[in-house]
């Protein structure tokens, strides 16, 4: 036995601490690299607006639109797309599918905008709308908004507020 040398458990604790740190860091790294390698499209920002300005920035972003609204714009900024990624955009009115489109993304990142409007340019139907964005069958984002009823759309006496 060597004189003056005591064996204690602090070395084992340090080893376990370092090992735990290395394993945790490796797991985090594998998740982030795996996500990117799988071409995991990311939607960085999504807005519902009435229109876009000259720089493709949303104007009048809001969730409650008046009854005379003729169009709604879905604006989003994306990143981490890979060649061949396509985005499915599904519009719903009161939980019923009203329009679906699939678009190919041609660059790794960018800004895109899509409009919901009627062919005859009449106001959108009143109700609760949602728009779902999905890539490879995985939901990437969802936005909700409402369009109020026009004054003439109410039944007789139906435009009065009720007290609850």
N, C-alpha and C. Protein backbone atom coordinates (compact mmCIF):
# COMPACT_ATOMS: atom_id res chain seq x y z
N UNK A 1 0.83 -1.17 0.00
CA UNK A 1 0.00 0.00 0.00
C UNK A 1 0.88 1.24 0.00
N UNK A 2 0.51 2.23 -0.78
CA UNK A 2 1.27 3.46 -0.87
C UNK A 2 0.88 4.34 0.30
N UNK A 3 1.87 4.90 0.93
CA UNK A 3 1.62 5.72 2.10
C UNK A 3 0.96 7.03 1.70
N UNK A 4 0.00 7.47 2.48
CA UNK A 4 -0.65 8.75 2.29
C UNK A 4 -1.75 8.75 1.22
N UNK A 5 -2.05 7.64 0.63
CA UNK A 5 -3.09 7.60 -0.42
C UNK A 5 -4.36 6.98 0.16
N UNK A 6 -5.39 7.75 0.13
CA UNK A 6 -6.69 7.27 0.58
C UNK A 6 -7.62 7.18 -0.62
N UNK A 7 -8.34 6.14 -0.66
CA UNK A 7 -9.29 5.99 -1.77
C UNK A 7 -10.64 6.54 -1.29
N UNK A 8 -11.23 7.44 -2.12
CA UNK A 8 -12.54 7.96 -1.75
C UNK A 8 -13.47 7.90 -2.95
N UNK A 9 -14.72 8.18 -2.75
CA UNK A 9 -15.73 8.06 -3.79
C UNK A 9 -15.86 9.30 -4.67
N UNK A 10 -15.08 10.35 -4.44
CA UNK A 10 -15.25 11.58 -5.22
C UNK A 10 -14.83 11.37 -6.67
N UNK A 11 -13.84 10.55 -6.95
CA UNK A 11 -13.42 10.28 -8.32
C UNK A 11 -14.52 9.58 -9.10
N UNK A 12 -15.21 8.67 -8.47
CA UNK A 12 -16.31 7.97 -9.13
C UNK A 12 -17.46 8.92 -9.43
N UNK A 13 -17.72 9.85 -8.52
CA UNK A 13 -18.79 10.82 -8.74
C UNK A 13 -18.47 11.75 -9.90
N UNK A 14 -17.22 12.17 -9.99
CA UNK A 14 -16.81 13.03 -11.09
C UNK A 14 -16.96 12.27 -12.41
N UNK A 15 -16.53 11.02 -12.43
CA UNK A 15 -16.65 10.19 -13.63
C UNK A 15 -18.11 10.05 -14.05
N UNK A 16 -19.00 9.77 -13.09
CA UNK A 16 -20.43 9.65 -13.40
C UNK A 16 -21.01 10.96 -13.91
N UNK A 17 -20.59 12.07 -13.34
CA UNK A 17 -21.06 13.38 -13.79
C UNK A 17 -20.66 13.66 -15.22
N UNK A 18 -19.39 13.39 -15.55
CA UNK A 18 -18.89 13.60 -16.91
C UNK A 18 -19.61 12.68 -17.88
N UNK A 19 -19.78 11.42 -17.51
CA UNK A 19 -20.46 10.46 -18.36
C UNK A 19 -21.91 10.90 -18.63
N UNK A 20 -22.61 11.36 -17.61
CA UNK A 20 -23.98 11.83 -17.77
C UNK A 20 -24.04 13.02 -18.72
N UNK A 21 -23.10 13.94 -18.57
CA UNK A 21 -23.06 15.13 -19.44
C UNK A 21 -22.83 14.71 -20.89
N UNK A 22 -21.89 13.83 -21.12
CA UNK A 22 -21.58 13.38 -22.48
C UNK A 22 -22.78 12.68 -23.11
N UNK A 23 -23.45 11.83 -22.37
CA UNK A 23 -24.63 11.14 -22.89
C UNK A 23 -25.77 12.11 -23.21
N UNK A 24 -26.01 13.08 -22.33
CA UNK A 24 -27.08 14.06 -22.57
C UNK A 24 -26.76 14.92 -23.79
N UNK A 25 -25.52 15.37 -23.90
CA UNK A 25 -25.12 16.18 -25.06
C UNK A 25 -25.24 15.37 -26.34
N UNK A 26 -24.85 14.12 -26.32
CA UNK A 26 -24.97 13.27 -27.50
C UNK A 26 -26.41 13.07 -27.92
N UNK A 27 -27.29 12.88 -26.95
CA UNK A 27 -28.71 12.70 -27.27
C UNK A 27 -29.29 13.97 -27.90
N UNK A 28 -28.99 15.13 -27.33
CA UNK A 28 -29.48 16.39 -27.90
C UNK A 28 -28.95 16.60 -29.31
N UNK A 29 -27.68 16.32 -29.52
CA UNK A 29 -27.07 16.48 -30.83
C UNK A 29 -27.74 15.55 -31.85
N UNK A 30 -27.98 14.31 -31.47
CA UNK A 30 -28.59 13.37 -32.41
C UNK A 30 -30.00 13.77 -32.78
N UNK A 31 -30.76 14.32 -31.83
CA UNK A 31 -32.11 14.78 -32.14
C UNK A 31 -32.08 15.95 -33.10
N UNK A 32 -31.20 16.91 -32.86
CA UNK A 32 -31.17 18.09 -33.73
C UNK A 32 -30.64 17.74 -35.10
N UNK A 33 -29.60 16.96 -35.21
CA UNK A 33 -29.06 16.57 -36.51
C UNK A 33 -30.05 15.66 -37.23
N UNK A 34 -30.67 14.75 -36.51
CA UNK A 34 -31.65 13.85 -37.12
C UNK A 34 -32.83 14.62 -37.67
N UNK A 35 -33.27 15.65 -36.97
CA UNK A 35 -34.38 16.46 -37.42
C UNK A 35 -34.04 17.18 -38.72
N UNK A 36 -32.84 17.75 -38.78
CA UNK A 36 -32.42 18.46 -39.98
C UNK A 36 -32.20 17.47 -41.12
N UNK A 37 -31.55 16.35 -40.83
CA UNK A 37 -31.26 15.37 -41.87
C UNK A 37 -32.54 14.81 -42.47
N UNK A 38 -33.59 14.73 -41.69
CA UNK A 38 -34.86 14.21 -42.18
C UNK A 38 -35.62 15.25 -42.99
N UNK A 39 -35.03 16.44 -43.15
CA UNK A 39 -35.69 17.49 -43.92
C UNK A 39 -36.89 18.05 -43.21
N UNK A 40 -36.77 18.23 -41.93
CA UNK A 40 -37.90 18.70 -41.14
C UNK A 40 -38.15 20.18 -41.38
N UNK A 41 -39.09 20.45 -42.26
CA UNK A 41 -39.48 21.82 -42.57
C UNK A 41 -39.93 22.51 -41.29
N UNK A 42 -39.54 23.75 -41.16
CA UNK A 42 -39.91 24.52 -39.97
C UNK A 42 -40.63 25.79 -40.41
N UNK A 43 -41.79 26.05 -39.82
CA UNK A 43 -42.51 27.31 -40.06
C UNK A 43 -42.13 28.25 -38.93
N UNK A 44 -41.38 29.29 -39.27
CA UNK A 44 -40.86 30.21 -38.27
C UNK A 44 -41.88 31.23 -37.82
N UNK A 45 -42.77 31.63 -38.73
CA UNK A 45 -43.80 32.61 -38.38
C UNK A 45 -44.97 32.42 -39.32
N UNK A 46 -46.18 32.52 -38.79
CA UNK A 46 -47.41 32.41 -39.58
C UNK A 46 -48.33 33.56 -39.17
N UNK A 47 -48.93 34.22 -40.17
CA UNK A 47 -49.89 35.29 -39.86
C UNK A 47 -51.07 35.21 -40.82
N UNK A 48 -52.22 35.58 -40.30
CA UNK A 48 -53.42 35.78 -41.10
C UNK A 48 -53.57 37.29 -41.24
N UNK A 49 -53.72 37.76 -42.47
CA UNK A 49 -53.82 39.21 -42.69
C UNK A 49 -54.77 39.48 -43.85
N UNK A 50 -55.04 40.75 -44.08
CA UNK A 50 -55.91 41.14 -45.18
C UNK A 50 -55.14 41.27 -46.49
N UNK A 51 -53.88 41.73 -46.41
CA UNK A 51 -53.12 42.04 -47.61
C UNK A 51 -51.64 42.09 -47.27
N UNK A 52 -50.80 42.17 -48.30
CA UNK A 52 -49.36 42.32 -48.13
C UNK A 52 -48.92 43.66 -48.69
N UNK A 53 -47.87 44.23 -48.08
CA UNK A 53 -47.33 45.47 -48.61
C UNK A 53 -46.33 45.16 -49.74
N UNK A 54 -45.68 46.16 -50.27
CA UNK A 54 -44.74 45.99 -51.37
C UNK A 54 -43.53 45.14 -51.03
N UNK A 55 -43.24 45.00 -49.74
CA UNK A 55 -42.11 44.17 -49.29
C UNK A 55 -42.55 42.79 -48.83
N UNK A 56 -43.77 42.40 -49.20
CA UNK A 56 -44.36 41.12 -48.81
C UNK A 56 -44.50 40.95 -47.30
N UNK A 57 -44.78 42.04 -46.61
CA UNK A 57 -45.03 42.00 -45.17
C UNK A 57 -46.54 42.14 -44.94
N UNK A 58 -47.08 41.40 -43.96
CA UNK A 58 -48.52 41.44 -43.71
C UNK A 58 -49.03 42.82 -43.28
N UNK A 59 -50.21 43.17 -43.80
CA UNK A 59 -50.92 44.39 -43.41
C UNK A 59 -52.22 43.96 -42.74
N UNK A 60 -52.55 44.60 -41.64
CA UNK A 60 -53.79 44.33 -40.89
C UNK A 60 -53.90 42.86 -40.48
N UNK A 61 -52.92 42.40 -39.73
CA UNK A 61 -52.98 41.03 -39.19
C UNK A 61 -54.00 41.01 -38.07
N UNK A 62 -54.99 40.15 -38.22
CA UNK A 62 -56.01 40.02 -37.17
C UNK A 62 -56.75 38.71 -37.32
N UNK A 63 -57.44 38.34 -36.27
CA UNK A 63 -58.15 37.05 -36.22
C UNK A 63 -59.65 37.20 -36.38
N UNK A 64 -60.16 38.38 -36.14
CA UNK A 64 -61.60 38.62 -36.26
C UNK A 64 -61.83 39.60 -37.40
N UNK A 65 -62.37 39.09 -38.50
CA UNK A 65 -62.54 39.90 -39.70
C UNK A 65 -63.99 40.29 -39.89
N UNK A 66 -64.23 41.47 -40.46
CA UNK A 66 -65.61 41.92 -40.66
C UNK A 66 -66.32 41.11 -41.73
N UNK A 67 -67.65 41.19 -41.74
CA UNK A 67 -68.47 40.42 -42.66
C UNK A 67 -68.26 40.74 -44.13
N UNK A 68 -67.77 41.93 -44.44
CA UNK A 68 -67.56 42.29 -45.85
C UNK A 68 -66.19 41.85 -46.39
N UNK A 69 -65.46 41.07 -45.61
CA UNK A 69 -64.14 40.60 -46.03
C UNK A 69 -64.24 39.73 -47.29
N UNK A 70 -63.49 40.11 -48.31
CA UNK A 70 -63.52 39.39 -49.58
C UNK A 70 -62.35 38.43 -49.74
N UNK A 71 -61.28 38.64 -48.99
CA UNK A 71 -60.13 37.75 -49.09
C UNK A 71 -59.35 37.74 -47.78
N UNK A 72 -58.68 36.64 -47.57
CA UNK A 72 -57.81 36.49 -46.41
C UNK A 72 -56.48 35.96 -46.93
N UNK A 73 -55.41 36.49 -46.37
CA UNK A 73 -54.08 36.08 -46.80
C UNK A 73 -53.42 35.26 -45.68
N UNK A 74 -52.89 34.12 -46.05
CA UNK A 74 -52.05 33.33 -45.15
C UNK A 74 -50.62 33.63 -45.53
N UNK A 75 -49.85 34.19 -44.61
CA UNK A 75 -48.45 34.55 -44.84
C UNK A 75 -47.60 33.73 -43.89
N UNK A 76 -46.51 33.16 -44.40
CA UNK A 76 -45.61 32.44 -43.49
C UNK A 76 -44.17 32.52 -43.97
N UNK A 77 -43.31 32.41 -42.99
CA UNK A 77 -41.87 32.36 -43.23
C UNK A 77 -41.41 30.96 -42.83
N UNK A 78 -40.61 30.31 -43.68
CA UNK A 78 -40.20 28.95 -43.41
C UNK A 78 -38.68 28.81 -43.52
N UNK A 79 -38.17 27.71 -42.97
CA UNK A 79 -36.75 27.38 -43.06
C UNK A 79 -36.60 25.86 -42.99
N UNK A 80 -35.39 25.40 -43.24
CA UNK A 80 -35.01 23.98 -43.17
C UNK A 80 -35.76 23.09 -44.16
N UNK A 81 -36.17 23.66 -45.28
CA UNK A 81 -36.79 22.84 -46.32
C UNK A 81 -35.68 22.17 -47.12
N UNK A 82 -35.97 21.03 -47.66
CA UNK A 82 -35.02 20.34 -48.55
C UNK A 82 -35.70 20.15 -49.89
N UNK A 83 -34.88 19.92 -50.91
CA UNK A 83 -35.40 19.73 -52.25
C UNK A 83 -36.44 18.60 -52.24
N UNK A 84 -37.57 18.89 -52.83
CA UNK A 84 -38.63 17.89 -52.87
C UNK A 84 -39.69 18.07 -51.79
N UNK A 85 -39.44 18.95 -50.81
CA UNK A 85 -40.46 19.19 -49.79
C UNK A 85 -41.67 19.86 -50.43
N UNK A 86 -42.83 19.40 -50.05
CA UNK A 86 -44.06 20.06 -50.48
C UNK A 86 -44.89 20.34 -49.23
N UNK A 87 -45.66 21.39 -49.31
CA UNK A 87 -46.48 21.82 -48.19
C UNK A 87 -47.93 21.74 -48.61
N UNK A 88 -48.73 21.07 -47.80
CA UNK A 88 -50.17 20.96 -48.06
C UNK A 88 -50.88 22.00 -47.21
N UNK A 89 -51.68 22.83 -47.87
CA UNK A 89 -52.42 23.89 -47.18
C UNK A 89 -53.90 23.57 -47.30
N UNK A 90 -54.55 23.37 -46.17
CA UNK A 90 -55.97 22.99 -46.13
C UNK A 90 -56.76 24.05 -45.38
N UNK A 91 -57.76 24.60 -46.04
CA UNK A 91 -58.63 25.63 -45.47
C UNK A 91 -59.95 24.97 -45.05
N UNK A 92 -60.41 25.32 -43.85
CA UNK A 92 -61.66 24.78 -43.32
C UNK A 92 -62.59 25.92 -42.91
N UNK A 93 -63.87 25.72 -43.14
CA UNK A 93 -64.90 26.62 -42.64
C UNK A 93 -65.82 25.79 -41.77
N UNK A 94 -65.91 26.16 -40.50
CA UNK A 94 -66.72 25.42 -39.53
C UNK A 94 -66.41 23.92 -39.59
N UNK A 95 -65.12 23.60 -39.63
CA UNK A 95 -64.56 22.24 -39.62
C UNK A 95 -64.82 21.45 -40.90
N UNK A 96 -65.31 22.09 -41.95
CA UNK A 96 -65.53 21.41 -43.23
C UNK A 96 -64.47 21.90 -44.22
N UNK A 97 -63.78 20.97 -44.87
CA UNK A 97 -62.75 21.32 -45.84
C UNK A 97 -63.37 22.08 -47.00
N UNK A 98 -62.83 23.27 -47.30
CA UNK A 98 -63.34 24.06 -48.42
C UNK A 98 -62.32 24.24 -49.53
N UNK A 99 -61.03 24.09 -49.21
CA UNK A 99 -60.00 24.21 -50.24
C UNK A 99 -58.73 23.53 -49.77
N UNK A 100 -58.05 22.88 -50.70
CA UNK A 100 -56.76 22.25 -50.38
C UNK A 100 -55.83 22.47 -51.56
N UNK A 101 -54.59 22.82 -51.26
CA UNK A 101 -53.60 22.96 -52.31
C UNK A 101 -52.26 22.45 -51.80
N UNK A 102 -51.48 21.91 -52.73
CA UNK A 102 -50.15 21.40 -52.40
C UNK A 102 -49.16 22.21 -53.21
N UNK A 103 -48.15 22.74 -52.53
CA UNK A 103 -47.14 23.56 -53.19
C UNK A 103 -45.75 23.00 -52.91
N UNK A 104 -44.90 23.08 -53.91
CA UNK A 104 -43.51 22.66 -53.75
C UNK A 104 -42.69 23.86 -53.28
N UNK A 105 -41.79 23.60 -52.37
CA UNK A 105 -40.91 24.65 -51.87
C UNK A 105 -39.59 24.54 -52.61
N UNK A 106 -39.20 25.61 -53.29
CA UNK A 106 -38.04 25.55 -54.17
C UNK A 106 -36.75 26.01 -53.52
N UNK A 107 -36.82 26.53 -52.31
CA UNK A 107 -35.60 26.96 -51.64
C UNK A 107 -35.62 26.50 -50.18
N UNK A 108 -34.46 26.53 -49.56
CA UNK A 108 -34.32 26.06 -48.18
C UNK A 108 -35.11 26.92 -47.20
N UNK A 109 -35.21 28.21 -47.50
CA UNK A 109 -35.96 29.12 -46.63
C UNK A 109 -36.60 30.20 -47.49
N UNK A 110 -37.61 30.84 -46.94
CA UNK A 110 -38.27 31.89 -47.69
C UNK A 110 -39.57 32.32 -47.07
N UNK A 111 -40.29 33.10 -47.83
CA UNK A 111 -41.60 33.63 -47.44
C UNK A 111 -42.58 33.24 -48.53
N UNK A 112 -43.75 32.80 -48.13
CA UNK A 112 -44.81 32.45 -49.08
C UNK A 112 -46.12 33.05 -48.57
N UNK A 113 -47.04 33.26 -49.49
CA UNK A 113 -48.36 33.79 -49.14
C UNK A 113 -49.41 33.15 -50.05
N UNK A 114 -50.56 32.86 -49.48
CA UNK A 114 -51.67 32.27 -50.21
C UNK A 114 -52.95 32.97 -49.78
N UNK A 115 -53.84 33.15 -50.74
CA UNK A 115 -55.10 33.85 -50.47
C UNK A 115 -56.27 32.90 -50.53
N UNK A 116 -57.24 33.15 -49.67
CA UNK A 116 -58.53 32.49 -49.73
C UNK A 116 -59.53 33.54 -50.19
N UNK A 117 -60.20 33.29 -51.32
CA UNK A 117 -61.20 34.21 -51.84
C UNK A 117 -62.16 33.45 -52.72
N UNK A 118 -63.31 34.02 -52.94
CA UNK A 118 -64.32 33.40 -53.81
C UNK A 118 -64.08 33.86 -55.25
N UNK A 119 -64.41 33.00 -56.20
CA UNK A 119 -64.21 33.32 -57.61
C UNK A 119 -65.01 34.53 -58.04
N UNK A 120 -66.20 34.73 -57.47
CA UNK A 120 -67.04 35.85 -57.88
C UNK A 120 -66.75 37.13 -57.08
N UNK A 121 -65.72 37.11 -56.25
CA UNK A 121 -65.28 38.27 -55.45
C UNK A 121 -66.30 38.71 -54.40
N UNK A 122 -67.27 37.86 -54.10
CA UNK A 122 -68.23 38.19 -53.04
C UNK A 122 -67.57 37.97 -51.68
N UNK A 123 -68.15 38.53 -50.62
CA UNK A 123 -67.56 38.36 -49.29
C UNK A 123 -67.50 36.88 -48.89
N UNK A 124 -66.51 36.57 -48.09
CA UNK A 124 -66.38 35.21 -47.56
C UNK A 124 -67.56 34.90 -46.66
N UNK A 125 -67.94 33.64 -46.61
CA UNK A 125 -69.04 33.23 -45.74
C UNK A 125 -68.66 33.45 -44.28
N UNK A 126 -69.64 33.81 -43.49
CA UNK A 126 -69.41 34.02 -42.06
C UNK A 126 -69.13 32.67 -41.40
N UNK A 127 -68.29 32.69 -40.39
CA UNK A 127 -68.02 31.48 -39.64
C UNK A 127 -66.62 31.42 -39.08
N UNK A 128 -66.31 30.24 -38.55
CA UNK A 128 -65.01 29.97 -37.94
C UNK A 128 -64.13 29.26 -38.96
N UNK A 129 -63.01 29.85 -39.28
CA UNK A 129 -62.09 29.30 -40.27
C UNK A 129 -60.83 28.80 -39.59
N UNK A 130 -60.22 27.81 -40.20
CA UNK A 130 -58.90 27.37 -39.79
C UNK A 130 -58.14 26.98 -41.04
N UNK A 131 -56.84 27.15 -40.98
CA UNK A 131 -55.98 26.75 -42.08
C UNK A 131 -54.86 25.90 -41.49
N UNK A 132 -54.69 24.71 -42.05
CA UNK A 132 -53.73 23.74 -41.55
C UNK A 132 -52.60 23.60 -42.58
N UNK A 133 -51.36 23.64 -42.10
CA UNK A 133 -50.20 23.46 -42.96
C UNK A 133 -49.50 22.17 -42.54
N UNK A 134 -49.26 21.29 -43.52
CA UNK A 134 -48.65 19.99 -43.22
C UNK A 134 -47.58 19.67 -44.27
N UNK A 135 -46.54 18.98 -43.82
CA UNK A 135 -45.46 18.53 -44.70
C UNK A 135 -45.23 17.05 -44.42
N UNK A 136 -45.26 16.23 -45.46
CA UNK A 136 -45.07 14.79 -45.32
C UNK A 136 -46.03 14.17 -44.30
N UNK A 137 -47.26 14.66 -44.30
CA UNK A 137 -48.27 14.12 -43.40
C UNK A 137 -48.17 14.59 -41.96
N UNK A 138 -47.22 15.48 -41.66
CA UNK A 138 -47.05 15.99 -40.30
C UNK A 138 -47.49 17.44 -40.21
N UNK A 139 -48.34 17.74 -39.25
CA UNK A 139 -48.80 19.11 -39.06
C UNK A 139 -47.62 19.99 -38.68
N UNK A 140 -47.51 21.12 -39.38
CA UNK A 140 -46.43 22.08 -39.11
C UNK A 140 -46.96 23.38 -38.53
N UNK A 141 -48.24 23.65 -38.73
CA UNK A 141 -48.81 24.88 -38.19
C UNK A 141 -50.30 24.94 -38.47
N UNK A 142 -50.99 25.73 -37.65
CA UNK A 142 -52.42 25.93 -37.83
C UNK A 142 -52.77 27.33 -37.33
N UNK A 143 -53.61 28.01 -38.06
CA UNK A 143 -54.10 29.32 -37.67
C UNK A 143 -55.61 29.32 -37.76
N UNK A 144 -56.24 30.06 -36.86
CA UNK A 144 -57.70 30.18 -36.82
C UNK A 144 -58.09 31.64 -36.95
N UNK A 145 -59.26 31.88 -37.55
CA UNK A 145 -59.80 33.23 -37.64
C UNK A 145 -61.30 33.13 -37.86
N UNK A 146 -61.98 34.23 -37.65
CA UNK A 146 -63.43 34.25 -37.86
C UNK A 146 -63.78 35.38 -38.84
N UNK A 147 -64.85 35.16 -39.56
CA UNK A 147 -65.45 36.19 -40.39
C UNK A 147 -66.84 36.42 -39.84
N UNK A 148 -67.12 37.67 -39.48
CA UNK A 148 -68.42 38.01 -38.90
C UNK A 148 -69.52 37.93 -39.96
N UNK A 149 -70.72 37.75 -39.50
CA UNK A 149 -71.87 37.74 -40.41
C UNK A 149 -72.19 39.16 -40.85
N UNK A 150 -72.66 39.30 -42.08
CA UNK A 150 -73.14 40.60 -42.55
C UNK A 150 -74.45 40.92 -41.85
N UNK A 151 -74.77 42.18 -41.73
CA UNK A 151 -75.97 42.59 -41.01
C UNK A 151 -77.22 41.92 -41.56
N UNK A 152 -77.35 41.78 -42.87
CA UNK A 152 -78.52 41.17 -43.48
C UNK A 152 -78.57 39.66 -43.35
N UNK A 153 -77.50 39.04 -42.84
CA UNK A 153 -77.46 37.59 -42.71
C UNK A 153 -78.17 37.07 -41.47
N UNK A 154 -78.51 37.95 -40.55
CA UNK A 154 -79.15 37.51 -39.31
C UNK A 154 -80.63 37.25 -39.55
N UNK A 155 -81.20 36.25 -38.90
CA UNK A 155 -82.66 36.08 -38.98
C UNK A 155 -83.35 37.23 -38.26
N UNK A 156 -84.61 37.38 -38.51
CA UNK A 156 -85.38 38.47 -37.90
C UNK A 156 -85.13 38.53 -36.40
N UNK A 157 -84.67 39.68 -35.93
CA UNK A 157 -84.42 39.87 -34.50
C UNK A 157 -83.16 39.19 -34.00
N UNK A 158 -82.42 38.54 -34.87
CA UNK A 158 -81.24 37.80 -34.45
C UNK A 158 -80.00 38.64 -34.27
N UNK A 159 -80.07 39.95 -34.60
CA UNK A 159 -78.89 40.77 -34.48
C UNK A 159 -78.80 41.47 -33.13
N UNK A 160 -79.66 41.10 -32.22
CA UNK A 160 -79.61 41.69 -30.88
C UNK A 160 -78.71 40.86 -30.00
N UNK A 161 -78.07 41.51 -29.05
CA UNK A 161 -77.21 40.80 -28.11
C UNK A 161 -78.05 40.18 -27.00
N UNK A 162 -77.69 38.99 -26.61
CA UNK A 162 -78.38 38.30 -25.51
C UNK A 162 -77.60 38.49 -24.23
N UNK A 163 -78.31 38.62 -23.13
CA UNK A 163 -77.65 38.70 -21.82
C UNK A 163 -77.56 37.31 -21.25
N UNK A 164 -76.36 36.92 -20.85
CA UNK A 164 -76.16 35.61 -20.24
C UNK A 164 -76.00 35.73 -18.77
